[in-house]
Protein backbone atom coordinates (compact mmCIF):
# COMPACT_ATOMS: atom_id res chain seq x y z
CA UNK A 1 8.51 -22.25 -28.27
CA UNK A 2 10.79 -25.37 -27.65
CA UNK A 3 13.34 -23.55 -25.34
CA UNK A 4 15.46 -20.54 -24.70
CA UNK A 5 19.02 -20.77 -25.85
CA UNK A 6 21.87 -18.33 -25.42
CA UNK A 7 24.51 -18.61 -28.42
CA UNK A 8 28.10 -17.43 -27.54
CA UNK A 9 30.70 -17.10 -30.24
CA UNK A 10 33.31 -14.42 -31.06
CA UNK A 11 32.81 -15.16 -34.69
CA UNK A 12 29.83 -13.24 -36.05
CA UNK A 13 29.20 -15.75 -38.86
CA UNK A 14 29.19 -18.61 -36.79
CA UNK A 15 26.64 -17.03 -34.30
CA UNK A 16 24.34 -16.04 -37.33
CA UNK A 17 24.46 -19.62 -38.64
CA UNK A 18 23.55 -21.25 -35.23
CA UNK A 19 20.74 -18.73 -34.65
CA UNK A 20 19.36 -19.38 -38.16
CA UNK A 21 19.31 -23.24 -37.54
CA UNK A 22 17.88 -23.00 -34.10
CA UNK A 23 15.26 -20.57 -34.75
CA UNK A 24 14.09 -22.58 -37.90
CA UNK A 25 13.63 -25.59 -35.31
CA UNK A 26 11.46 -23.31 -33.00
CA UNK A 27 13.83 -22.41 -30.39
CA UNK A 28 14.12 -18.64 -29.04
CA UNK A 29 17.65 -17.58 -29.18
CA UNK A 30 19.89 -14.57 -27.91
CA UNK A 31 23.40 -14.06 -29.24
CA UNK A 32 26.50 -12.95 -27.31
CA UNK A 33 29.92 -12.06 -28.95
CA UNK A 34 31.97 -12.86 -25.85
CA UNK A 35 32.05 -14.33 -22.41
CA UNK A 36 31.44 -11.02 -20.75
CA UNK A 37 28.32 -10.37 -22.82
CA UNK A 38 27.05 -13.89 -22.29
CA UNK A 39 27.43 -13.85 -18.48
CA UNK A 40 25.65 -10.40 -18.38
CA UNK A 41 22.76 -11.90 -20.54
CA UNK A 42 22.62 -15.09 -18.31
CA UNK A 43 22.44 -12.99 -15.10
CA UNK A 44 19.66 -10.79 -16.54
CA UNK A 45 17.52 -13.28 -18.41
CA UNK A 46 16.53 -17.00 -17.81
CA UNK A 47 17.95 -19.43 -20.48
CA UNK A 48 17.45 -23.26 -20.68
CA UNK A 49 20.77 -23.84 -22.37
CA UNK A 50 23.88 -21.84 -23.05
CA UNK A 51 25.85 -23.03 -26.31
CA UNK A 52 29.17 -21.44 -26.16
CA UNK A 53 32.56 -21.63 -27.91
CA UNK A 54 35.37 -22.88 -25.86
CA UNK A 55 38.16 -20.51 -27.19
CA UNK A 56 37.27 -16.95 -26.77
CA UNK A 57 39.17 -13.80 -25.72
CA UNK A 58 38.61 -12.20 -22.26
CA UNK A 59 36.35 -14.86 -20.82
CA UNK A 60 36.75 -18.40 -22.41
CA UNK A 61 34.30 -21.09 -22.33
CA UNK A 62 35.66 -22.87 -19.21
CA UNK A 63 35.61 -19.65 -17.27
CA UNK A 64 32.08 -18.80 -18.55
CA UNK A 65 30.86 -22.24 -17.48
CA UNK A 66 32.42 -21.73 -13.85
CA UNK A 67 30.44 -18.39 -13.52
CA UNK A 68 27.11 -19.67 -14.92
CA UNK A 69 27.10 -22.57 -12.67
CA UNK A 70 26.99 -20.10 -9.82
CA UNK A 71 23.57 -18.74 -10.93
CA UNK A 72 20.45 -20.05 -9.32
CA UNK A 73 18.80 -21.64 -11.22
CA UNK A 74 21.76 -22.27 -13.88
CA UNK A 75 21.14 -23.22 -17.43
CA UNK A 76 22.82 -26.14 -18.89
CA UNK A 77 26.07 -25.58 -20.78
CA UNK A 78 27.07 -27.05 -24.03
CA UNK A 79 30.67 -26.31 -25.42
CA UNK A 80 31.84 -25.98 -29.02
CA UNK A 81 35.45 -26.94 -29.49
CA UNK A 82 37.95 -27.67 -32.24
CA UNK A 83 39.47 -31.29 -32.47
CA UNK A 84 42.67 -29.97 -30.91
CA UNK A 85 41.04 -28.85 -27.78
CA UNK A 86 38.77 -31.98 -26.93
CA UNK A 87 40.70 -32.59 -23.77
CA UNK A 88 39.68 -29.11 -22.51
CA UNK A 89 36.18 -29.89 -23.26
CA UNK A 90 36.14 -33.25 -21.55
CA UNK A 91 37.68 -31.28 -18.45
CA UNK A 92 34.68 -28.94 -18.65
CA UNK A 93 32.19 -31.67 -18.42
CA UNK A 94 33.95 -32.85 -15.38
CA UNK A 95 33.40 -29.42 -13.99
CA UNK A 96 29.61 -29.44 -14.83
CA UNK A 97 29.14 -28.99 -18.60
CA UNK A 98 26.35 -30.99 -20.13
CA UNK A 99 28.14 -32.00 -23.21
CA UNK A 100 30.50 -30.81 -25.89
CA UNK A 101 30.35 -30.55 -29.78
CA UNK A 102 33.26 -30.79 -32.13
CA UNK A 103 33.75 -28.28 -35.03
CA UNK A 104 32.63 -28.23 -37.68
CA UNK A 105 29.30 -28.67 -36.37
CA UNK A 106 26.96 -31.39 -37.77
CA UNK A 107 23.33 -30.05 -37.66
CA UNK A 108 21.76 -33.41 -36.65
CA UNK A 109 24.21 -33.95 -33.78
CA UNK A 110 23.64 -30.27 -32.69
CA UNK A 111 20.08 -30.62 -32.55
CA UNK A 112 20.20 -34.16 -30.93
CA UNK A 113 22.52 -32.80 -27.99
CA UNK A 114 20.42 -29.67 -27.65
CA UNK A 115 17.26 -31.68 -27.50
CA UNK A 116 18.64 -33.94 -24.66
CA UNK A 117 19.70 -30.85 -22.81
CA UNK A 118 16.38 -29.24 -22.98
CA UNK A 119 14.69 -32.58 -21.72
CA UNK A 120 17.01 -32.58 -18.86
CA UNK A 121 16.50 -28.97 -18.11
CA UNK A 122 12.75 -29.39 -18.32
CA UNK A 123 12.88 -32.16 -15.76
CA UNK A 124 14.95 -30.23 -13.44
CA UNK A 125 12.53 -27.08 -13.76
CA UNK A 126 9.58 -29.28 -13.18
CA UNK A 127 11.20 -30.65 -9.97
CA UNK A 128 12.14 -27.16 -8.77
CA UNK A 129 8.54 -25.98 -9.44
CA UNK A 130 7.25 -29.17 -7.62
CA UNK A 131 9.26 -28.62 -4.66
CA UNK A 132 8.25 -24.92 -4.52
CA UNK A 133 4.45 -26.28 -4.54
CA UNK A 134 5.27 -28.72 -1.91
CA UNK A 135 6.98 -26.10 0.35
CA UNK A 136 3.94 -23.96 0.00
CA UNK A 137 1.09 -26.62 -0.01
CA UNK A 138 2.31 -29.93 1.17
CA UNK A 139 5.64 -29.30 3.13
CA UNK A 140 6.98 -32.67 1.53
CA UNK A 141 10.46 -31.24 1.09
CA UNK A 142 12.12 -34.47 1.35
CA UNK A 143 9.89 -36.39 -1.01
CA UNK A 144 10.90 -35.91 -4.66
CA UNK A 145 8.77 -37.21 -7.55
CA UNK A 146 7.17 -35.94 -10.63
CA UNK A 147 5.84 -39.53 -11.72
CA UNK A 148 2.07 -39.75 -11.82
CA UNK A 149 2.01 -42.29 -8.93
CA UNK A 150 3.83 -39.83 -6.59
CA UNK A 151 1.66 -37.18 -7.74
CA UNK A 152 -1.28 -39.21 -6.52
CA UNK A 153 0.54 -39.75 -3.18
CA UNK A 154 1.09 -36.02 -2.66
CA UNK A 155 -2.74 -35.37 -3.43
CA UNK A 156 -3.95 -37.93 -0.87
CA UNK A 157 -1.52 -36.57 1.75
CA UNK A 158 -2.73 -33.04 1.21
CA UNK A 159 -6.32 -34.22 1.28
CA UNK A 160 -6.34 -36.33 4.46
CA UNK A 161 -3.55 -34.58 6.51
CA UNK A 162 -6.09 -32.54 8.54
CA UNK A 163 -8.25 -35.45 9.44
CA UNK A 164 -7.71 -37.87 12.42
CA UNK A 165 -8.47 -41.04 10.33
CA UNK A 166 -5.82 -43.82 10.34
CA UNK A 167 -3.59 -44.15 7.57
CA UNK A 168 -1.79 -47.34 6.40
CA UNK A 169 1.23 -46.72 4.04
CA UNK A 170 2.30 -49.63 1.89
CA UNK A 171 5.61 -49.84 0.28
CA UNK A 172 8.90 -51.94 -0.11
CA UNK A 173 11.88 -50.95 2.24
CA UNK A 174 13.44 -47.86 1.26
CA UNK A 175 10.46 -46.29 -0.54
CA UNK A 176 9.92 -43.48 2.08
CA UNK A 177 7.07 -44.67 4.23
CA UNK A 178 8.27 -42.64 7.18
CA UNK A 179 8.65 -39.50 5.20
CA UNK A 180 5.10 -39.75 4.19
CA UNK A 181 4.08 -40.20 7.73
CA UNK A 182 6.04 -37.15 8.75
CA UNK A 183 4.54 -35.12 5.86
CA UNK A 184 1.01 -36.14 7.18
CA UNK A 185 2.04 -34.89 10.56
CA UNK A 186 3.44 -31.67 9.47
CA UNK A 187 0.68 -30.81 7.37
CA UNK A 188 -1.93 -31.40 10.16
CA UNK A 189 -3.16 -29.48 13.08
CA UNK A 190 -0.95 -31.55 15.34
CA UNK A 191 2.28 -30.10 13.70
CA UNK A 192 3.29 -28.14 16.97
CA UNK A 193 3.59 -31.35 18.74
CA UNK A 194 6.61 -33.85 18.35
CA UNK A 195 6.28 -36.57 15.84
CA UNK A 196 6.69 -40.16 17.46
CA UNK A 197 7.70 -43.32 15.77
CA UNK A 198 8.37 -47.05 16.63
CA UNK A 199 9.47 -49.91 14.54
CA UNK A 200 7.47 -53.12 15.47
CA UNK A 201 10.01 -55.31 13.94
CA UNK A 202 12.95 -53.83 15.79
CA UNK A 203 11.82 -54.75 19.32
CA UNK A 204 10.92 -57.90 21.22
CA UNK A 205 7.27 -58.33 21.95
CA UNK A 206 7.64 -57.62 25.66
CA UNK A 207 9.78 -54.49 25.16
CA UNK A 208 7.53 -53.31 22.41
CA UNK A 209 4.39 -53.51 24.45
CA UNK A 210 6.05 -51.46 27.32
CA UNK A 211 7.28 -48.90 24.73
CA UNK A 212 3.81 -48.48 23.27
CA UNK A 213 1.62 -48.72 26.52
CA UNK A 214 4.04 -48.04 29.24
CA UNK A 215 4.26 -49.85 32.55
CA UNK A 216 3.73 -49.37 36.26
CA UNK A 217 6.43 -49.69 38.74
CA UNK A 218 7.03 -53.36 39.61
CA UNK A 219 5.07 -54.60 36.59
CA UNK A 220 7.99 -56.97 35.77
CA UNK A 221 11.39 -57.73 36.84
CA UNK A 222 13.47 -54.56 36.04
CA UNK A 223 10.40 -52.13 36.16
CA UNK A 224 11.96 -49.86 38.82
CA UNK A 225 9.66 -47.00 38.12
CA UNK A 226 6.65 -46.04 36.14
CA UNK A 227 7.14 -45.65 32.36
CA UNK A 228 4.97 -43.32 30.24
CA UNK A 229 4.27 -45.32 26.81
CA UNK A 230 4.30 -43.77 23.37
CA UNK A 231 0.55 -43.72 23.17
CA UNK A 232 0.47 -41.31 26.04
CA UNK A 233 3.49 -39.29 24.90
CA UNK A 234 1.84 -38.83 21.42
CA UNK A 235 -1.45 -37.85 22.83
CA UNK A 236 -2.55 -34.78 20.77
CA UNK A 237 0.08 -35.75 18.12
CA UNK A 238 0.89 -38.43 15.56
CA UNK A 239 2.38 -41.86 16.19
CA UNK A 240 4.05 -43.80 13.37
CA UNK A 241 3.93 -47.61 13.68
CA UNK A 242 6.33 -49.00 11.26
CA UNK A 243 6.43 -52.65 10.07
CA UNK A 244 2.93 -53.18 11.69
CA UNK A 245 2.67 -56.40 9.92
CA UNK A 246 5.32 -57.87 12.17
CA UNK A 247 3.14 -57.37 15.41
CA UNK A 248 2.41 -60.55 17.36
CA UNK A 249 -1.24 -61.62 17.88
CA UNK A 250 -1.33 -60.49 21.48
CA UNK A 251 -0.20 -56.92 20.70
CA UNK A 252 -2.65 -56.86 17.74
CA UNK A 253 -5.43 -57.32 20.22
CA UNK A 254 -4.18 -54.57 22.36
CA UNK A 255 -3.52 -52.21 19.46
CA UNK A 256 -7.01 -52.97 18.24
CA UNK A 257 -8.63 -52.21 21.57
CA UNK A 258 -6.60 -48.87 21.81
CA UNK A 259 -7.88 -47.75 18.41
CA UNK A 260 -11.61 -48.79 19.13
CA UNK A 261 -11.87 -47.34 22.60
CA UNK A 262 -9.34 -44.52 22.33
CA UNK A 263 -7.78 -45.61 25.78
CA UNK A 264 -5.07 -47.70 27.10
CA UNK A 265 -3.98 -49.27 30.34
CA UNK A 266 -0.28 -49.45 31.14
CA UNK A 267 1.33 -53.00 31.65
CA UNK A 268 0.63 -53.95 35.25
CA UNK A 269 -1.74 -51.05 35.83
CA UNK A 270 -5.60 -50.82 36.25
CA UNK A 271 -6.27 -47.30 35.32
CA UNK A 272 -7.97 -46.61 31.99
CA UNK A 273 -6.06 -43.58 30.32
CA UNK A 274 -7.85 -41.77 27.61
CA UNK A 275 -5.67 -40.86 24.43
CA UNK A 276 -5.92 -38.68 21.42
CA UNK A 277 -3.38 -40.09 18.88
CA UNK A 278 -3.36 -39.97 15.11
CA UNK A 279 -2.06 -43.41 14.01
CA UNK A 280 -0.05 -43.68 10.86
CA UNK A 281 0.98 -47.33 10.19
CA UNK A 282 3.17 -48.73 7.57
CA UNK A 283 4.21 -52.08 6.10
CA UNK A 284 6.04 -53.76 3.42
CA UNK A 285 3.95 -56.92 3.59
CA UNK A 286 0.72 -57.93 1.86
CA UNK A 287 -1.57 -57.35 4.77
CA UNK A 288 -4.73 -58.76 2.93
CA UNK A 289 -2.88 -62.01 2.39
CA UNK A 290 -1.65 -62.13 5.98
CA UNK A 291 -5.37 -61.83 7.00
CA UNK A 292 -6.36 -64.62 4.74
CA UNK A 293 -3.41 -66.79 6.19
CA UNK A 294 -4.46 -65.99 9.87
CA UNK A 295 -1.35 -64.07 10.69
CA UNK A 296 -3.12 -60.76 11.03
CA UNK A 297 -6.43 -60.03 12.63
CA UNK A 298 -9.10 -58.94 10.03
CA UNK A 299 -10.70 -56.57 12.58
CA UNK A 300 -7.40 -54.66 13.23
CA UNK A 301 -6.61 -54.58 9.35
CA UNK A 302 -9.92 -52.73 8.66
CA UNK A 303 -9.24 -50.54 11.58
CA UNK A 304 -5.80 -49.55 10.12
CA UNK A 305 -6.60 -49.50 6.45
CA UNK A 306 -9.01 -46.62 6.51
CA UNK A 307 -6.97 -44.53 4.25
CA UNK A 308 -4.43 -46.58 2.16
CA UNK A 309 -1.37 -45.01 0.67
CA UNK A 310 0.77 -47.16 -1.81
CA UNK A 311 4.35 -46.08 -2.45
CA UNK A 312 5.74 -47.48 -5.78
CA UNK A 313 9.13 -49.05 -5.91
CA UNK A 314 11.67 -46.91 -7.66
CA UNK A 315 11.90 -49.34 -10.57
CA UNK A 316 8.37 -48.43 -11.53
CA UNK A 317 9.10 -44.64 -11.52
CA UNK A 318 12.58 -44.56 -13.22
CA UNK A 319 11.74 -41.08 -14.58
CA UNK A 320 12.19 -39.72 -11.20
CA UNK A 321 15.83 -40.87 -10.83
CA UNK A 322 17.36 -37.71 -12.36
CA UNK A 323 15.31 -35.58 -10.00
CA UNK A 324 16.31 -37.76 -7.02
CA UNK A 325 19.89 -37.61 -8.05
CA UNK A 326 19.93 -33.86 -8.28
CA UNK A 327 18.20 -33.82 -4.89
CA UNK A 328 20.84 -35.95 -3.20
CA UNK A 329 23.55 -34.21 -4.95
CA UNK A 330 22.37 -30.93 -3.48
CA UNK A 331 22.01 -32.55 0.03
CA UNK A 332 25.43 -33.93 0.20
CA UNK A 333 27.42 -31.51 -1.86
CA UNK A 334 27.42 -28.61 0.63
CA UNK A 335 28.82 -25.39 -1.09
CA UNK A 336 30.69 -27.27 -3.59
CA UNK A 337 28.80 -27.38 -6.97
CA UNK A 338 28.48 -31.06 -8.14
CA UNK A 339 26.83 -32.82 -11.03
CA UNK A 340 26.43 -36.20 -12.68
CA UNK A 341 27.53 -37.31 -16.16
CA UNK A 342 25.22 -38.56 -18.66
CA UNK A 343 26.92 -42.04 -18.83
CA UNK A 344 26.57 -42.41 -14.97
CA UNK A 345 22.98 -41.22 -15.11
CA UNK A 346 22.27 -43.83 -17.70
CA UNK A 347 23.65 -46.51 -15.44
CA UNK A 348 21.66 -45.28 -12.54
CA UNK A 349 18.37 -45.26 -14.68
CA UNK A 350 19.04 -48.77 -15.88
CA UNK A 351 19.56 -50.43 -12.36
CA UNK A 352 16.66 -52.00 -10.58
CA UNK A 353 17.07 -50.58 -7.14
CA UNK A 354 15.90 -53.42 -4.71
CA UNK A 355 16.68 -50.91 -1.86
CA UNK A 356 14.61 -48.29 -3.56
CA UNK A 357 15.31 -44.57 -2.83
CA UNK A 358 17.24 -45.32 0.41
CA UNK A 359 19.65 -47.29 -1.84
CA UNK A 360 20.08 -44.57 -4.46
CA UNK A 361 20.69 -41.97 -1.75
CA UNK A 362 23.50 -44.26 -0.35
CA UNK A 363 25.11 -44.71 -3.79
CA UNK A 364 24.84 -40.93 -4.54
CA UNK A 365 26.43 -40.18 -1.04
CA UNK A 366 29.13 -42.57 -1.57
CA UNK A 367 29.95 -41.46 -5.13
CA UNK A 368 30.17 -37.79 -3.79
CA UNK A 369 32.52 -38.77 -0.93
CA UNK A 370 34.80 -40.92 -2.98
CA UNK A 371 34.68 -39.20 -6.30
CA UNK A 372 37.50 -36.78 -6.97
CA UNK A 373 35.69 -34.81 -9.85
CA UNK A 374 33.03 -32.26 -9.66
CA UNK A 375 30.87 -34.70 -11.70
CA UNK A 376 29.86 -38.20 -10.85
CA UNK A 377 31.15 -40.68 -13.46
CA UNK A 378 30.54 -44.36 -13.97
CA UNK A 379 33.85 -45.21 -11.98
CA UNK A 380 32.34 -43.60 -8.95
CA UNK A 381 29.44 -46.03 -8.73
CA UNK A 382 29.59 -49.43 -7.06
CA UNK A 383 30.41 -52.30 -9.31
CA UNK A 384 26.94 -54.14 -8.86
CA UNK A 385 25.33 -50.83 -10.01
CA UNK A 386 27.48 -50.52 -13.03
CA UNK A 387 27.04 -54.17 -13.85
CA UNK A 388 23.25 -53.86 -13.40
CA UNK A 389 23.06 -56.72 -10.74
CA UNK A 390 20.85 -56.26 -7.84
CA UNK A 391 22.56 -57.84 -4.80
CA UNK A 392 19.79 -58.02 -2.26
CA UNK A 393 17.15 -59.14 -4.73
CA UNK A 394 19.58 -61.74 -6.12
CA UNK A 395 20.07 -63.12 -2.61
CA UNK A 396 16.39 -63.90 -2.39
CA UNK A 397 16.83 -66.38 -5.14
CA UNK A 398 19.37 -68.54 -3.22
CA UNK A 399 18.68 -72.33 -3.41
CA UNK A 400 18.13 -73.95 -0.01
CA UNK A 401 19.85 -77.24 0.25
CA UNK A 402 18.05 -80.46 1.39
CA UNK A 403 20.11 -80.41 4.47
CA UNK A 404 18.54 -77.02 5.41
CA UNK A 405 20.14 -73.60 6.21
CA UNK A 406 21.05 -71.86 9.54
CA UNK A 407 19.13 -68.72 9.25
CA UNK A 408 20.82 -67.06 12.24
CA UNK A 409 24.23 -67.74 10.84
CA UNK A 410 23.21 -66.38 7.41
CA UNK A 411 21.89 -63.26 9.04
CA UNK A 412 25.00 -62.81 11.27
CA UNK A 413 27.18 -63.23 8.08
CA UNK A 414 25.17 -60.58 5.99
CA UNK A 415 25.36 -58.11 8.92
CA UNK A 416 29.20 -58.42 9.32
CA UNK A 417 29.83 -58.26 5.49
CA UNK A 418 27.61 -55.06 5.36
CA UNK A 419 29.35 -53.46 8.27
CA UNK A 420 32.69 -54.40 6.83
CA UNK A 421 31.80 -52.77 3.57
CA UNK A 422 30.54 -49.57 5.32
CA UNK A 423 33.54 -49.29 7.34
CA UNK A 424 31.81 -49.87 10.70
CA UNK A 425 29.24 -47.32 10.13
CA UNK A 426 25.84 -48.62 11.28
CA UNK A 427 23.70 -46.27 9.34
CA UNK A 428 25.24 -46.99 6.14
CA UNK A 429 25.39 -50.71 6.80
CA UNK A 430 21.62 -50.53 7.29
CA UNK A 431 21.00 -48.74 4.08
CA UNK A 432 23.10 -51.56 2.36
CA UNK A 433 20.84 -54.16 3.89
CA UNK A 434 17.67 -52.32 3.25
CA UNK A 435 16.93 -52.08 6.88
CA UNK A 436 16.23 -49.14 9.31
CA UNK A 437 19.05 -48.22 11.66
CA UNK A 438 17.04 -49.12 14.52
CA UNK A 439 16.23 -52.56 13.13
CA UNK A 440 19.87 -53.23 12.58
CA UNK A 441 20.97 -52.19 15.94
CA UNK A 442 18.30 -54.64 17.42
CA UNK A 443 19.68 -57.48 15.34
CA UNK A 444 23.32 -56.57 16.35
CA UNK A 445 22.25 -56.52 20.07
CA UNK A 446 20.76 -60.08 19.51
CA UNK A 447 24.09 -61.03 17.97
CA UNK A 448 25.96 -59.81 21.11
CA UNK A 449 23.62 -61.82 23.37
CA UNK A 450 24.03 -65.04 21.39
CA UNK A 451 24.91 -68.04 23.45
CA UNK A 452 28.52 -69.17 23.75
CA UNK A 453 29.91 -70.82 20.82
CA UNK A 454 27.59 -68.85 18.37
CA UNK A 455 29.46 -66.59 15.91
CA UNK A 456 30.33 -63.30 17.72
CA UNK A 457 28.91 -59.80 17.36
CA UNK A 458 30.34 -57.18 15.13
CA UNK A 459 33.44 -55.48 16.28
CA UNK A 460 34.08 -51.72 15.95
CA UNK A 461 30.65 -50.92 14.59
CA UNK A 462 29.95 -47.08 14.89
CA UNK A 463 26.39 -45.93 15.56
CA UNK A 464 26.54 -43.08 13.13
């Protein structure tokens, strides 16, 4: 059986012909003579697709669509319309219909549209089943992926979550490394304790050392009282070390000692403090190469890389994009039922996503905020996405002139442009730049403390 289809038409002969065509192709069909009957059937049974006439007495096709979209889960709706009512069918697509067909129906076109609808319904159903499994088994509610590479990630997370072994998560910015770390924590015996996280790239070395290891009163200028570091706070829990490849050599030594001996000393202290911390580290760098080039300690690399987990970039699992789009629409739509048009989805599928899942989430959120319809359409998407040009990836291909380039000025310019585009919202600007919010805030603080004469810090930025 290819799928279950509810055929709705007030003309008996038309219903019979459609049922005969579809059943000959292997579909299981049910027929309804009006909108009321169709709604009762849809409420009582589960259908993949509803194929309905637009003009019907009592409850027309658009009214039926509105009621069917309230069902959970709801089938996809295809409307059949005469040429004179095409505008109404287009309006119905804005309200959530999957597609429409014009009468008299062409058999090949009918089967093509139906096949596309069933492929979409299968993906949505597979994603729903996957989420139910994740809630019951993995608790990876915010990680979406039916692609084989993501299924491998889910299996590893489930298998190693209960151990205390160190995990190293590899992946480009925006692929969801912290989500994996949180899933490992929530599936472990440490779930009752808070989850702790720090970004090694977001803090200067001296501040990061005090943040991790704590310090005694008077350990350095400004240390007016004792500070308990994250290693102590996270004892009995999980500590996520993001961008661990950016650690300076001195801190690499201290981290190695903490992992080997399971004890630390606060900055300025002499007491050895026992710790019981499960470390999950993450990086977007090639640490194996960093070891060969002498930028990262080999012994620390082996201590961290006990269980490697590799998150694929979104461009390598494009089949997950429809699932992710549905996930983000549900996340940001609230009580209003929203959807995405086929044309918009094709554009999203074709784009390279240099910012990965984080960038896709930002684009969907923006489209829902700015779009006026119940359906995301191509006009709601940013121009670079519609054009298929990946801004951040293209920036990496800039030519450096012989006279050199002022990297600080370039960074400052990019941050200011991102903040301007995001209306001063720091979180959204961070997503545009492919950075975490903490990293962007740190870089903004550096701009504020720039020497006199340097370009100024961003004005009016909102830490949202």
